[in-house]
């Protein structure tokens, strides 16, 4: 292998000698390779010529050249790597530290998410508790129910007697209207039923049955039935039925008696 490399180098030198003869500014005359009888240069002659070429400043030496290149991404990782002479446990400690750095970020984000969730839940609970602790404003009582004035000041003191007088004078619809208005006013202002301005006759009867005793609830149902018969059915109830409603009005719809406390 070495002899073949030397022969190749000798042939290159011979070619360089021929080229130097064609270019005047190259010192080709300094390259002289002795040739043996068989036409091959000797090893000593080749090595001598190589030494002469290395000593020539035009063929030897090194040149420095600056070029731009991308920075390696793992340069910082290489800087953080411990020297090769460090023990294995030191390298393991460095790897563990890097893993803890990455895992620590995840732990911090997880803790932050949990804290935010706890804060939101606690804030909702606090708002609910505060809302329950604040005094609730009572809804304003309606002054009219479907265009019927139910204000106590708009009604007579003795509603049943006034309605009976109207009926006997032939003002049957006015008598039934006064009874129905008076009943709604008592249900709202005396018995505190949640009747609204848009409540229907059926809703009023349902509230009375759910909140009152059987006697007043039944009376309200009878009165509303007579009112609906006259308004929607264009039929007037019997006189004795209407007079019974008038006489029972104050007794059935009066304020409930307070419950006596046990001694």
C-alpha atoms as a PDB file:
ATOM      1  CA  UNK A   1       0.000   0.000   0.000  1.00  0.00           C
ATOM      2  CA  UNK A   2       2.771   2.440   0.874  1.00  0.00           C
ATOM      3  CA  UNK A   3       4.743   1.748  -2.323  1.00  0.00           C
ATOM      4  CA  UNK A   4       1.688   2.262  -4.489  1.00  0.00           C
ATOM      5  CA  UNK A   5       1.006   5.600  -2.781  1.00  0.00           C
ATOM      6  CA  UNK A   6       4.604   6.641  -3.398  1.00  0.00           C
ATOM      7  CA  UNK A   7       4.349   5.699  -7.073  1.00  0.00           C
ATOM      8  CA  UNK A   8       1.187   7.726  -7.386  1.00  0.00           C
ATOM      9  CA  UNK A   9       2.811  10.732  -5.788  1.00  0.00           C
ATOM     10  CA  UNK A  10       5.839  10.403  -8.100  1.00  0.00           C
ATOM     11  CA  UNK A  11       3.623  10.362 -11.150  1.00  0.00           C
ATOM     12  CA  UNK A  12       1.863  13.474  -9.843  1.00  0.00           C
ATOM     13  CA  UNK A  13       5.206  15.187  -9.447  1.00  0.00           C
ATOM     14  CA  UNK A  14       6.165  14.294 -12.988  1.00  0.00           C
ATOM     15  CA  UNK A  15       2.922  15.774 -14.239  1.00  0.00           C
ATOM     16  CA  UNK A  16       3.545  18.898 -12.207  1.00  0.00           C
ATOM     17  CA  UNK A  17       7.007  19.135 -13.730  1.00  0.00           C
ATOM     18  CA  UNK A  18       5.601  19.005 -17.247  1.00  0.00           C
ATOM     19  CA  UNK A  19       2.998  21.672 -16.396  1.00  0.00           C
ATOM     20  CA  UNK A  20       5.656  23.877 -14.789  1.00  0.00           C
ATOM     21  CA  UNK A  21       7.574  23.824 -18.044  1.00  0.00           C
ATOM     22  CA  UNK A  22       4.543  25.377 -19.762  1.00  0.00           C
ATOM     23  CA  UNK A  23       3.972  28.104 -17.053  1.00  0.00           C
ATOM     24  CA  UNK A  24       7.012  30.354 -16.749  1.00  0.00           C
ATOM     25  CA  UNK A  25       6.206  31.804 -13.255  1.00  0.00           C
ATOM     26  CA  UNK A  26       6.364  28.401 -11.508  1.00  0.00           C
ATOM     27  CA  UNK A  27       9.812  27.166 -10.429  1.00  0.00           C
ATOM     28  CA  UNK A  28       9.557  23.847 -12.225  1.00  0.00           C
ATOM     29  CA  UNK A  29      13.295  23.629 -12.541  1.00  0.00           C
ATOM     30  CA  UNK A  30      13.497  22.942  -8.787  1.00  0.00           C
ATOM     31  CA  UNK A  31      11.608  19.654  -9.247  1.00  0.00           C
ATOM     32  CA  UNK A  32      14.015  17.019 -10.503  1.00  0.00           C
ATOM     33  CA  UNK A  33      13.157  13.380  -9.957  1.00  0.00           C
ATOM     34  CA  UNK A  34      15.943  10.916 -10.650  1.00  0.00           C
ATOM     35  CA  UNK A  35      14.788   7.940 -12.658  1.00  0.00           C
ATOM     36  CA  UNK A  36      16.217   4.447 -12.289  1.00  0.00           C
ATOM     37  CA  UNK A  37      17.255   2.223 -15.167  1.00  0.00           C
ATOM     38  CA  UNK A  38      13.802   0.607 -15.392  1.00  0.00           C
ATOM     39  CA  UNK A  39      12.154   4.023 -15.700  1.00  0.00           C
ATOM     40  CA  UNK A  40      10.767   4.114 -12.129  1.00  0.00           C
ATOM     41  CA  UNK A  41      11.857   6.762  -9.572  1.00  0.00           C
ATOM     42  CA  UNK A  42      13.414   5.432  -6.385  1.00  0.00           C
ATOM     43  CA  UNK A  43      11.742   5.810  -3.001  1.00  0.00           C
ATOM     44  CA  UNK A  44      14.529   7.969  -1.611  1.00  0.00           C
ATOM     45  CA  UNK A  45      14.281  10.306  -4.586  1.00  0.00           C
ATOM     46  CA  UNK A  46      10.505  10.661  -4.121  1.00  0.00           C
ATOM     47  CA  UNK A  47      10.815  11.416  -0.417  1.00  0.00           C
ATOM     48  CA  UNK A  48      13.538  13.979  -1.115  1.00  0.00           C
ATOM     49  CA  UNK A  49      11.382  15.733  -3.661  1.00  0.00           C
ATOM     50  CA  UNK A  50       8.442  15.729  -1.212  1.00  0.00           C
ATOM     51  CA  UNK A  51      10.615  17.369   1.429  1.00  0.00           C
ATOM     52  CA  UNK A  52      11.673  20.005  -1.114  1.00  0.00           C
ATOM     53  CA  UNK A  53       8.023  20.744  -1.981  1.00  0.00           C
ATOM     54  CA  UNK A  54       7.003  21.042   1.667  1.00  0.00           C
ATOM     55  CA  UNK A  55       9.788  23.554   2.267  1.00  0.00           C
ATOM     56  CA  UNK A  56       8.690  25.725  -0.683  1.00  0.00           C
ATOM     57  CA  UNK A  57       6.453  28.548   0.725  1.00  0.00           C
ATOM     58  CA  UNK A  58       4.401  28.641  -2.487  1.00  0.00           C
ATOM     59  CA  UNK A  59       3.109  25.088  -1.978  1.00  0.00           C
ATOM     60  CA  UNK A  60       2.999  24.738   1.789  1.00  0.00           C
ATOM     61  CA  UNK A  61       1.260  26.520   4.724  1.00  0.00           C
ATOM     62  CA  UNK A  62      -2.419  26.920   5.714  1.00  0.00           C
ATOM     63  CA  UNK A  63      -5.061  29.529   4.975  1.00  0.00           C
ATOM     64  CA  UNK A  64      -7.861  30.780   7.258  1.00  0.00           C
ATOM     65  CA  UNK A  65     -11.285  31.595   5.834  1.00  0.00           C
ATOM     66  CA  UNK A  66     -14.419  32.757   7.714  1.00  0.00           C
ATOM     67  CA  UNK A  67     -17.832  31.485   6.646  1.00  0.00           C
ATOM     68  CA  UNK A  68     -21.397  31.879   7.984  1.00  0.00           C
ATOM     69  CA  UNK A  69     -23.268  28.824   9.315  1.00  0.00           C
ATOM     70  CA  UNK A  70     -26.318  28.119  11.444  1.00  0.00           C
ATOM     71  CA  UNK A  71     -25.810  27.729  15.157  1.00  0.00           C
ATOM     72  CA  UNK A  72     -26.356  24.217  16.393  1.00  0.00           C
ATOM     73  CA  UNK A  73     -29.486  23.833  18.486  1.00  0.00           C
ATOM     74  CA  UNK A  74     -27.881  21.481  20.916  1.00  0.00           C
ATOM     75  CA  UNK A  75     -24.971  23.839  21.636  1.00  0.00           C
ATOM     76  CA  UNK A  76     -26.441  24.867  24.972  1.00  0.00           C
ATOM     77  CA  UNK A  77     -27.113  21.248  25.830  1.00  0.00           C
ATOM     78  CA  UNK A  78     -23.504  20.423  25.006  1.00  0.00           C
ATOM     79  CA  UNK A  79     -22.331  23.250  27.260  1.00  0.00           C
ATOM     80  CA  UNK A  80     -24.415  21.884  30.128  1.00  0.00           C
ATOM     81  CA  UNK A  81     -23.012  18.394  29.719  1.00  0.00           C
ATOM     82  CA  UNK A  82     -20.380  17.528  32.302  1.00  0.00           C
ATOM     83  CA  UNK A  83     -16.863  16.802  31.170  1.00  0.00           C
ATOM     84  CA  UNK A  84     -16.164  13.313  29.972  1.00  0.00           C
ATOM     85  CA  UNK A  85     -13.930  12.643  32.933  1.00  0.00           C
ATOM     86  CA  UNK A  86     -16.728  13.093  35.490  1.00  0.00           C
ATOM     87  CA  UNK A  87     -18.153  10.015  37.260  1.00  0.00           C
ATOM     88  CA  UNK A  88     -21.392   8.373  36.128  1.00  0.00           C
ATOM     89  CA  UNK A  89     -23.373   9.498  39.168  1.00  0.00           C
ATOM     90  CA  UNK A  90     -22.538  13.130  38.372  1.00  0.00           C
ATOM     91  CA  UNK A  91     -23.918  12.731  34.843  1.00  0.00           C
ATOM     92  CA  UNK A  92     -27.034  11.083  36.258  1.00  0.00           C
ATOM     93  CA  UNK A  93     -27.445  13.977  38.675  1.00  0.00           C
ATOM     94  CA  UNK A  94     -27.288  16.449  35.795  1.00  0.00           C
ATOM     95  CA  UNK A  95     -29.904  14.498  33.820  1.00  0.00           C
ATOM     96  CA  UNK A  96     -32.147  14.376  36.900  1.00  0.00           C
ATOM     97  CA  UNK A  97     -31.789  18.138  37.353  1.00  0.00           C
ATOM     98  CA  UNK A  98     -32.818  18.783  33.761  1.00  0.00           C
ATOM     99  CA  UNK A  99     -35.804  16.450  34.144  1.00  0.00           C
ATOM    100  CA  UNK A 100     -36.838  18.210  37.332  1.00  0.00           C
ATOM    101  CA  UNK A 101     -36.663  21.534  35.530  1.00  0.00           C
ATOM    102  CA  UNK A 102     -39.096  20.350  32.819  1.00  0.00           C
ATOM    103  CA  UNK A 103     -41.340  18.509  35.292  1.00  0.00           C
ATOM    104  CA  UNK A 104     -41.323  21.486  37.648  1.00  0.00           C
ATOM    105  CA  UNK A 105     -42.906  23.688  35.017  1.00  0.00           C
ATOM    106  CA  UNK A 106     -45.724  21.186  34.566  1.00  0.00           C
ATOM    107  CA  UNK A 107     -46.261  20.980  38.326  1.00  0.00           C
ATOM    108  CA  UNK A 108     -46.413  24.761  38.607  1.00  0.00           C
ATOM    109  CA  UNK A 109     -49.004  24.987  35.834  1.00  0.00           C
ATOM    110  CA  UNK A 110     -51.059  22.194  37.409  1.00  0.00           C
ATOM    111  CA  UNK A 111     -51.006  23.893  40.822  1.00  0.00           C
ATOM    112  CA  UNK A 112     -52.000  27.207  39.230  1.00  0.00           C
ATOM    113  CA  UNK A 113     -54.949  25.546  37.443  1.00  0.00           C
ATOM    114  CA  UNK A 114     -56.129  23.938  40.697  1.00  0.00           C
ATOM    115  CA  UNK A 115     -55.878  27.250  42.559  1.00  0.00           C
ATOM    116  CA  UNK A 116     -57.889  29.037  39.866  1.00  0.00           C
ATOM    117  CA  UNK A 117     -60.583  26.344  39.999  1.00  0.00           C
ATOM    118  CA  UNK A 118     -60.754  26.547  43.798  1.00  0.00           C
ATOM    119  CA  UNK A 119     -60.966  30.343  43.600  1.00  0.00           C
ATOM    120  CA  UNK A 120     -63.843  30.213  41.115  1.00  0.00           C
ATOM    121  CA  UNK A 121     -65.785  27.657  43.174  1.00  0.00           C
ATOM    122  CA  UNK A 122     -65.186  29.611  46.378  1.00  0.00           C
ATOM    123  CA  UNK A 123     -66.228  32.867  44.747  1.00  0.00           C
ATOM    124  CA  UNK A 124     -69.471  31.335  43.492  1.00  0.00           C
ATOM    125  CA  UNK A 125     -70.200  29.902  46.948  1.00  0.00           C
ATOM    126  CA  UNK A 126     -69.456  33.271  48.589  1.00  0.00           C
ATOM    127  CA  UNK A 127     -71.730  35.108  46.154  1.00  0.00           C
ATOM    128  CA  UNK A 128     -74.521  32.596  46.804  1.00  0.00           C
ATOM    129  CA  UNK A 129     -74.143  32.929  50.545  1.00  0.00           C
ATOM    130  CA  UNK A 130     -74.075  36.718  50.361  1.00  0.00           C
ATOM    131  CA  UNK A 131     -77.148  36.718  48.166  1.00  0.00           C
ATOM    132  CA  UNK A 132     -78.938  34.538  50.714  1.00  0.00           C
ATOM    133  CA  UNK A 133     -77.852  36.761  53.593  1.00  0.00           C
ATOM    134  CA  UNK A 134     -79.120  39.949  51.962  1.00  0.00           C
ATOM    135  CA  UNK A 135     -82.707  40.832  52.770  1.00  0.00           C
ATOM    136  CA  UNK A 136     -84.995  39.840  49.945  1.00  0.00           C
ATOM    137  CA  UNK A 137     -87.234  42.564  48.670  1.00  0.00           C
ATOM    138  CA  UNK A 138     -90.863  41.582  48.607  1.00  0.00           C
ATOM    139  CA  UNK A 139     -92.479  41.756  45.219  1.00  0.00           C
ATOM    140  CA  UNK A 140     -94.802  44.725  44.889  1.00  0.00           C
ATOM    141  CA  UNK A 141     -98.435  43.842  45.350  1.00  0.00           C
ATOM    142  CA  UNK A 142    -100.592  44.272  42.259  1.00  0.00           C
ATOM    143  CA  UNK A 143    -103.139  47.058  42.229  1.00  0.00           C
ATOM    144  CA  UNK A 144    -105.114  45.508  39.372  1.00  0.00           C
ATOM    145  CA  UNK A 145    -105.776  41.955  38.235  1.00  0.00           C
ATOM    146  CA  UNK A 146    -106.831  41.873  34.599  1.00  0.00           C
ATOM    147  CA  UNK A 147    -108.180  45.450  34.682  1.00  0.00           C
ATOM    148  CA  UNK A 148    -110.006  44.870  37.979  1.00  0.00           C
ATOM    149  CA  UNK A 149    -109.047  47.308  40.755  1.00  0.00           C
ATOM    150  CA  UNK A 150    -108.267  45.300  43.912  1.00  0.00           C
ATOM    151  CA  UNK A 151    -106.876  48.080  46.103  1.00  0.00           C
ATOM    152  CA  UNK A 152    -108.501  47.989  49.560  1.00  0.00           C
ATOM    153  CA  UNK A 153    -109.226  51.729  49.396  1.00  0.00           C
ATOM    154  CA  UNK A 154    -111.227  51.210  46.208  1.00  0.00           C
ATOM    155  CA  UNK A 155    -113.621  48.782  47.951  1.00  0.00           C
ATOM    156  CA  UNK A 156    -116.369  49.377  50.535  1.00  0.00           C
ATOM    157  CA  UNK A 157    -115.851  48.321  54.117  1.00  0.00           C
ATOM    158  CA  UNK A 158    -118.634  45.709  54.023  1.00  0.00           C
ATOM    159  CA  UNK A 159    -118.201  44.122  50.625  1.00  0.00           C
ATOM    160  CA  UNK A 160    -120.816  41.390  51.069  1.00  0.00           C
ATOM    161  CA  UNK A 161    -123.596  43.779  52.096  1.00  0.00           C
ATOM    162  CA  UNK A 162    -122.733  46.225  49.297  1.00  0.00           C
ATOM    163  CA  UNK A 163    -122.815  43.435  46.695  1.00  0.00           C
ATOM    164  CA  UNK A 164    -126.192  42.184  47.961  1.00  0.00           C
ATOM    165  CA  UNK A 165    -127.638  45.684  47.673  1.00  0.00           C
ATOM    166  CA  UNK A 166    -126.412  45.949  44.074  1.00  0.00           C
ATOM    167  CA  UNK A 167    -127.954  42.588  43.167  1.00  0.00           C
ATOM    168  CA  UNK A 168    -131.298  43.494  44.650  1.00  0.00           C
ATOM    169  CA  UNK A 169    -131.294  46.775  42.695  1.00  0.00           C
ATOM    170  CA  UNK A 170    -130.899  44.804  39.480  1.00  0.00           C
ATOM    171  CA  UNK A 171    -127.183  45.486  38.962  1.00  0.00           C
ATOM    172  CA  UNK A 172    -126.261  41.810  38.812  1.00  0.00           C
ATOM    173  CA  UNK A 173    -122.964  42.150  36.900  1.00  0.00           C
ATOM    174  CA  UNK A 174    -121.811  44.977  39.184  1.00  0.00           C
ATOM    175  CA  UNK A 175    -122.648  42.845  42.238  1.00  0.00           C
ATOM    176  CA  UNK A 176    -120.660  39.857  40.931  1.00  0.00           C
ATOM    177  CA  UNK A 177    -117.762  42.132  39.920  1.00  0.00           C
ATOM    178  CA  UNK A 178    -117.658  43.629  43.433  1.00  0.00           C
ATOM    179  CA  UNK A 179    -117.613  40.156  45.009  1.00  0.00           C
ATOM    180  CA  UNK A 180    -114.820  38.965  42.713  1.00  0.00           C
ATOM    181  CA  UNK A 181    -112.718  42.132  43.211  1.00  0.00           C
ATOM    182  CA  UNK A 182    -113.189  41.930  46.964  1.00  0.00           C
ATOM    183  CA  UNK A 183    -112.168  38.265  47.011  1.00  0.00           C
ATOM    184  CA  UNK A 184    -108.988  38.997  45.037  1.00  0.00           C
ATOM    185  CA  UNK A 185    -108.153  41.909  47.344  1.00  0.00           C
ATOM    186  CA  UNK A 186    -108.562  39.738  50.448  1.00  0.00           C
ATOM    187  CA  UNK A 187    -106.490  36.935  48.949  1.00  0.00           C
ATOM    188  CA  UNK A 188    -103.639  39.327  48.118  1.00  0.00           C
ATOM    189  CA  UNK A 189    -103.610  41.748  51.074  1.00  0.00           C
ATOM    190  CA  UNK A 190    -104.941  39.549  53.891  1.00  0.00           C
ATOM    191  CA  UNK A 191    -103.892  35.999  52.996  1.00  0.00           C
ATOM    192  CA  UNK A 192    -100.711  36.995  51.061  1.00  0.00           C
ATOM    193  CA  UNK A 193    -101.385  34.778  48.068  1.00  0.00           C
ATOM    194  CA  UNK A 194     -98.903  35.422  45.191  1.00  0.00           C
ATOM    195  CA  UNK A 195    -101.529  36.597  42.755  1.00  0.00           C
ATOM    196  CA  UNK A 196    -100.161  38.736  39.928  1.00  0.00           C
ATOM    197  CA  UNK A 197    -101.702  41.226  37.549  1.00  0.00           C
ATOM    198  CA  UNK A 198    -101.933  38.613  34.789  1.00  0.00           C
ATOM    199  CA  UNK A 199    -103.295  35.769  36.942  1.00  0.00           C
ATOM    200  CA  UNK A 200    -106.338  34.003  35.549  1.00  0.00           C
ATOM    201  CA  UNK A 201    -109.425  32.853  37.474  1.00  0.00           C
ATOM    202  CA  UNK A 202    -108.185  29.264  37.391  1.00  0.00           C
ATOM    203  CA  UNK A 203    -104.762  30.253  38.798  1.00  0.00           C
ATOM    204  CA  UNK A 204    -106.426  32.158  41.642  1.00  0.00           C
ATOM    205  CA  UNK A 205    -108.553  29.146  42.539  1.00  0.00           C
ATOM    206  CA  UNK A 206    -105.498  26.854  42.440  1.00  0.00           C
ATOM    207  CA  UNK A 207    -103.560  29.185  44.760  1.00  0.00           C
ATOM    208  CA  UNK A 208    -106.490  29.344  47.172  1.00  0.00           C
ATOM    209  CA  UNK A 209    -106.760  25.561  47.322  1.00  0.00           C
ATOM    210  CA  UNK A 210    -102.987  25.255  47.891  1.00  0.00           C
ATOM    211  CA  UNK A 211    -102.666  27.971  50.574  1.00  0.00           C
ATOM    212  CA  UNK A 212    -106.031  28.196  52.376  1.00  0.00           C
ATOM    213  CA  UNK A 213    -108.125  25.869  54.437  1.00  0.00           C
ATOM    214  CA  UNK A 214    -110.898  23.862  52.854  1.00  0.00           C
ATOM    215  CA  UNK A 215    -113.775  26.254  53.731  1.00  0.00           C
ATOM    216  CA  UNK A 216    -112.299  29.491  52.327  1.00  0.00           C
ATOM    217  CA  UNK A 217    -110.820  27.642  49.333  1.00  0.00           C
ATOM    218  CA  UNK A 218    -114.233  26.149  48.511  1.00  0.00           C
ATOM    219  CA  UNK A 219    -115.894  29.549  48.883  1.00  0.00           C
ATOM    220  CA  UNK A 220    -113.416  31.100  46.423  1.00  0.00           C
ATOM    221  CA  UNK A 221    -114.129  28.315  43.919  1.00  0.00           C
ATOM    222  CA  UNK A 222    -117.927  28.906  44.174  1.00  0.00           C
ATOM    223  CA  UNK A 223    -117.537  32.677  43.803  1.00  0.00           C
ATOM    224  CA  UNK A 224    -115.225  32.374  40.786  1.00  0.00           C
ATOM    225  CA  UNK A 225    -117.623  29.884  39.175  1.00  0.00           C
ATOM    226  CA  UNK A 226    -120.530  32.335  39.478  1.00  0.00           C
ATOM    227  CA  UNK A 227    -118.357  35.125  38.075  1.00  0.00           C
ATOM    228  CA  UNK A 228    -117.266  33.048  35.067  1.00  0.00           C
ATOM    229  CA  UNK A 229    -120.840  31.964  34.367  1.00  0.00           C
ATOM    230  CA  UNK A 230    -121.966  35.585  34.116  1.00  0.00           C
ATOM    231  CA  UNK A 231    -118.915  36.961  32.233  1.00  0.00           C
ATOM    232  CA  UNK A 232    -118.033  34.129  29.830  1.00  0.00           C
ATOM    233  CA  UNK A 233    -121.303  32.160  29.729  1.00  0.00           C
ATOM    234  CA  UNK A 234    -123.647  35.170  29.604  1.00  0.00           C
ATOM    235  CA  UNK A 235    -125.798  33.472  32.257  1.00  0.00           C
ATOM    236  CA  UNK A 236    -126.585  34.832  35.686  1.00  0.00           C
ATOM    237  CA  UNK A 237    -126.497  32.489  38.695  1.00  0.00           C
ATOM    238  CA  UNK A 238    -129.518  31.972  40.936  1.00  0.00           C
ATOM    239  CA  UNK A 239    -130.435  34.774  43.337  1.00  0.00           C
ATOM    240  CA  UNK A 240    -130.248  32.607  46.426  1.00  0.00           C
ATOM    241  CA  UNK A 241    -126.743  31.444  45.417  1.00  0.00           C
ATOM    242  CA  UNK A 242    -125.505  35.011  44.972  1.00  0.00           C
ATOM    243  CA  UNK A 243    -127.068  36.197  48.250  1.00  0.00           C
ATOM    244  CA  UNK A 244    -125.392  33.248  50.018  1.00  0.00           C
ATOM    245  CA  UNK A 245    -122.049  34.337  48.596  1.00  0.00           C
ATOM    246  CA  UNK A 246    -122.690  37.879  49.821  1.00  0.00           C
ATOM    247  CA  UNK A 247    -123.582  36.784  53.372  1.00  0.00           C
ATOM    248  CA  UNK A 248    -120.588  34.423  53.671  1.00  0.00           C
ATOM    249  CA  UNK A 249    -118.015  36.860  52.248  1.00  0.00           C
ATOM    250  CA  UNK A 250    -116.648  38.379  55.464  1.00  0.00           C
ATOM    251  CA  UNK A 251    -116.776  35.103  57.402  1.00  0.00           C
ATOM    252  CA  UNK A 252    -114.943  33.046  54.758  1.00  0.00           C
ATOM    253  CA  UNK A 253    -112.284  35.569  53.735  1.00  0.00           C
ATOM    254  CA  UNK A 254    -111.458  37.245  57.022  1.00  0.00           C
ATOM    255  CA  UNK A 255    -107.914  37.229  58.358  1.00  0.00           C
ATOM    256  CA  UNK A 256    -106.883  33.877  59.895  1.00  0.00           C
ATOM    257  CA  UNK A 257    -106.816  33.773  63.673  1.00  0.00           C
ATOM    258  CA  UNK A 258    -103.288  33.714  65.171  1.00  0.00           C
ATOM    259  CA  UNK A 259    -102.103  30.344  66.463  1.00  0.00           C
ATOM    260  CA  UNK A 260    -101.825  30.266  70.246  1.00  0.00           C
ATOM    261  CA  UNK A 261     -98.362  29.420  71.534  1.00  0.00           C
ATOM    262  CA  UNK A 262     -98.042  26.405  73.758  1.00  0.00           C
ATOM    263  CA  UNK A 263     -97.331  27.198  77.384  1.00  0.00           C
END
